[in-house]
Amino acid sequence: MFEAVEFIEAPGQPGPSETVLGQYPDETEAVQAARTAKVAFAGTASKAYAWWVVRQQGAQLAHFIADSKSDKEFVLDLTSGQLVEV
């Protein structure tokens, strides 16, 4: 199982909020959910900073990473430990 997770750091707040957007049997579905949430956030004109990750349920390493200040998306290359732009 994979989960799509949204983090939002609002100005003046002590730290980011973490929301699991959903759990999916397929990594592709989880990435699509994260991309959909990113588009929705961009339409809010919020001053907050947000980022989205896809990871295996309960894992600390991400399979997909995107943030609200960039159009770039990344995956983690587990063989090298490097972020690779998609």
C-alpha atoms as a PDB file:
ATOM      1  CA  MET A   1       0.000   0.000   0.000  1.00  0.00           C
ATOM      2  CA  PHE A   2       1.081   3.542  -0.783  1.00  0.00           C
ATOM      3  CA  GLU A   3      -0.069   6.738   0.836  1.00  0.00           C
ATOM      4  CA  ALA A   4      -0.219  10.274  -0.513  1.00  0.00           C
ATOM      5  CA  VAL A   5       0.572  12.806   2.198  1.00  0.00           C
ATOM      6  CA  GLU A   6       0.182  16.602   2.188  1.00  0.00           C
ATOM      7  CA  PHE A   7       2.196  18.883   4.456  1.00  0.00           C
ATOM      8  CA  ILE A   8       1.188  22.522   4.876  1.00  0.00           C
ATOM      9  CA  GLU A   9       3.269  25.091   6.731  1.00  0.00           C
ATOM     10  CA  ALA A  10       1.259  28.248   7.327  1.00  0.00           C
ATOM     11  CA  PRO A  11       2.899  31.556   8.283  1.00  0.00           C
ATOM     12  CA  GLY A  12       2.908  32.041  12.046  1.00  0.00           C
ATOM     13  CA  GLN A  13       2.295  28.360  12.831  1.00  0.00           C
ATOM     14  CA  PRO A  14       4.863  26.415  14.876  1.00  0.00           C
ATOM     15  CA  GLY A  15       5.224  23.624  12.329  1.00  0.00           C
ATOM     16  CA  PRO A  16       3.628  21.930   9.345  1.00  0.00           C
ATOM     17  CA  SER A  17       0.371  20.021   9.459  1.00  0.00           C
ATOM     18  CA  GLU A  18       0.436  16.522   7.985  1.00  0.00           C
ATOM     19  CA  THR A  19      -2.624  15.048   6.273  1.00  0.00           C
ATOM     20  CA  VAL A  20      -2.805  11.601   4.705  1.00  0.00           C
ATOM     21  CA  LEU A  21      -4.784  12.193   1.506  1.00  0.00           C
ATOM     22  CA  GLY A  22      -5.455   8.507   1.003  1.00  0.00           C
ATOM     23  CA  GLN A  23      -4.044   5.015   0.824  1.00  0.00           C
ATOM     24  CA  TYR A  24      -3.710   3.287  -2.522  1.00  0.00           C
ATOM     25  CA  PRO A  25      -2.749  -0.211  -3.658  1.00  0.00           C
ATOM     26  CA  ASP A  26      -0.770   1.270  -6.539  1.00  0.00           C
ATOM     27  CA  GLU A  27       2.004   3.891  -6.466  1.00  0.00           C
ATOM     28  CA  THR A  28       0.676   5.497  -9.671  1.00  0.00           C
ATOM     29  CA  GLU A  29      -2.710   6.168  -8.065  1.00  0.00           C
ATOM     30  CA  ALA A  30      -1.042   7.711  -5.022  1.00  0.00           C
ATOM     31  CA  VAL A  31       1.081  10.012  -7.211  1.00  0.00           C
ATOM     32  CA  GLN A  32      -2.036  11.109  -9.101  1.00  0.00           C
ATOM     33  CA  ALA A  33      -3.760  11.937  -5.797  1.00  0.00           C
ATOM     34  CA  ALA A  34      -0.764  14.052  -4.743  1.00  0.00           C
ATOM     35  CA  ARG A  35      -0.728  15.854  -8.097  1.00  0.00           C
ATOM     36  CA  THR A  36      -4.459  16.544  -7.819  1.00  0.00           C
ATOM     37  CA  ALA A  37      -3.975  17.987  -4.318  1.00  0.00           C
ATOM     38  CA  LYS A  38      -1.127  20.182  -5.604  1.00  0.00           C
ATOM     39  CA  VAL A  39      -3.338  21.615  -8.363  1.00  0.00           C
ATOM     40  CA  ALA A  40      -6.143  22.235  -5.857  1.00  0.00           C
ATOM     41  CA  PHE A  41      -3.744  24.007  -3.480  1.00  0.00           C
ATOM     42  CA  ALA A  42      -2.399  26.202  -6.291  1.00  0.00           C
ATOM     43  CA  GLY A  43      -5.956  27.423  -6.909  1.00  0.00           C
ATOM     44  CA  THR A  44      -6.323  28.710  -3.338  1.00  0.00           C
ATOM     45  CA  ALA A  45      -3.830  31.624  -3.516  1.00  0.00           C
ATOM     46  CA  SER A  46      -2.691  30.605  -0.034  1.00  0.00           C
ATOM     47  CA  LYS A  47       0.434  32.172   1.489  1.00  0.00           C
ATOM     48  CA  ALA A  48       1.286  28.822   3.061  1.00  0.00           C
ATOM     49  CA  TYR A  49       4.032  26.538   1.780  1.00  0.00           C
ATOM     50  CA  ALA A  50       2.911  23.007   0.957  1.00  0.00           C
ATOM     51  CA  TRP A  51       4.545  19.804  -0.200  1.00  0.00           C
ATOM     52  CA  TRP A  52       3.347  16.352  -1.093  1.00  0.00           C
ATOM     53  CA  VAL A  53       4.994  12.970  -0.799  1.00  0.00           C
ATOM     54  CA  VAL A  54       4.082   9.457  -1.795  1.00  0.00           C
ATOM     55  CA  ARG A  55       5.530   6.723   0.345  1.00  0.00           C
ATOM     56  CA  GLN A  56       4.834   3.176   1.291  1.00  0.00           C
ATOM     57  CA  GLN A  57       2.393   3.132   4.169  1.00  0.00           C
ATOM     58  CA  GLY A  58       4.259   4.058   7.362  1.00  0.00           C
ATOM     59  CA  ALA A  59       7.624   4.514   5.606  1.00  0.00           C
ATOM     60  CA  GLN A  60      10.001   7.411   6.170  1.00  0.00           C
ATOM     61  CA  LEU A  61      11.392   7.435   2.606  1.00  0.00           C
ATOM     62  CA  ALA A  62       9.387   9.019  -0.182  1.00  0.00           C
ATOM     63  CA  HIS A  63       8.774   7.644  -3.662  1.00  0.00           C
ATOM     64  CA  PHE A  64       7.517  10.994  -5.020  1.00  0.00           C
ATOM     65  CA  ILE A  65       8.053  14.574  -3.849  1.00  0.00           C
ATOM     66  CA  ALA A  66       6.569  17.868  -5.104  1.00  0.00           C
ATOM     67  CA  ASP A  67       6.106  21.304  -3.544  1.00  0.00           C
ATOM     68  CA  SER A  68       3.964  24.391  -4.014  1.00  0.00           C
ATOM     69  CA  LYS A  69       6.814  26.714  -5.037  1.00  0.00           C
ATOM     70  CA  SER A  70       8.022  24.666  -8.000  1.00  0.00           C
ATOM     71  CA  ASP A  71       6.723  22.717 -10.963  1.00  0.00           C
ATOM     72  CA  LYS A  72       9.464  20.128 -10.450  1.00  0.00           C
ATOM     73  CA  GLU A  73       8.732  16.621  -9.187  1.00  0.00           C
ATOM     74  CA  PHE A  74      11.266  14.187  -7.774  1.00  0.00           C
ATOM     75  CA  VAL A  75      11.714  10.522  -6.955  1.00  0.00           C
ATOM     76  CA  LEU A  76      14.307   9.029  -4.664  1.00  0.00           C
ATOM     77  CA  ASP A  77      16.876   6.768  -6.324  1.00  0.00           C
ATOM     78  CA  LEU A  78      17.341   4.138  -3.629  1.00  0.00           C
ATOM     79  CA  THR A  79      20.602   2.872  -5.140  1.00  0.00           C
ATOM     80  CA  SER A  80      22.334   6.259  -4.820  1.00  0.00           C
ATOM     81  CA  GLY A  81      20.183   8.050  -2.247  1.00  0.00           C
ATOM     82  CA  GLN A  82      19.843  10.981  -4.665  1.00  0.00           C
ATOM     83  CA  LEU A  83      16.700  12.874  -5.631  1.00  0.00           C
ATOM     84  CA  VAL A  84      16.055  12.586  -9.356  1.00  0.00           C
ATOM     85  CA  GLU A  85      13.829  15.031 -11.190  1.00  0.00           C
ATOM     86  CA  VAL A  86      10.928  13.391 -13.031  1.00  0.00           C
END
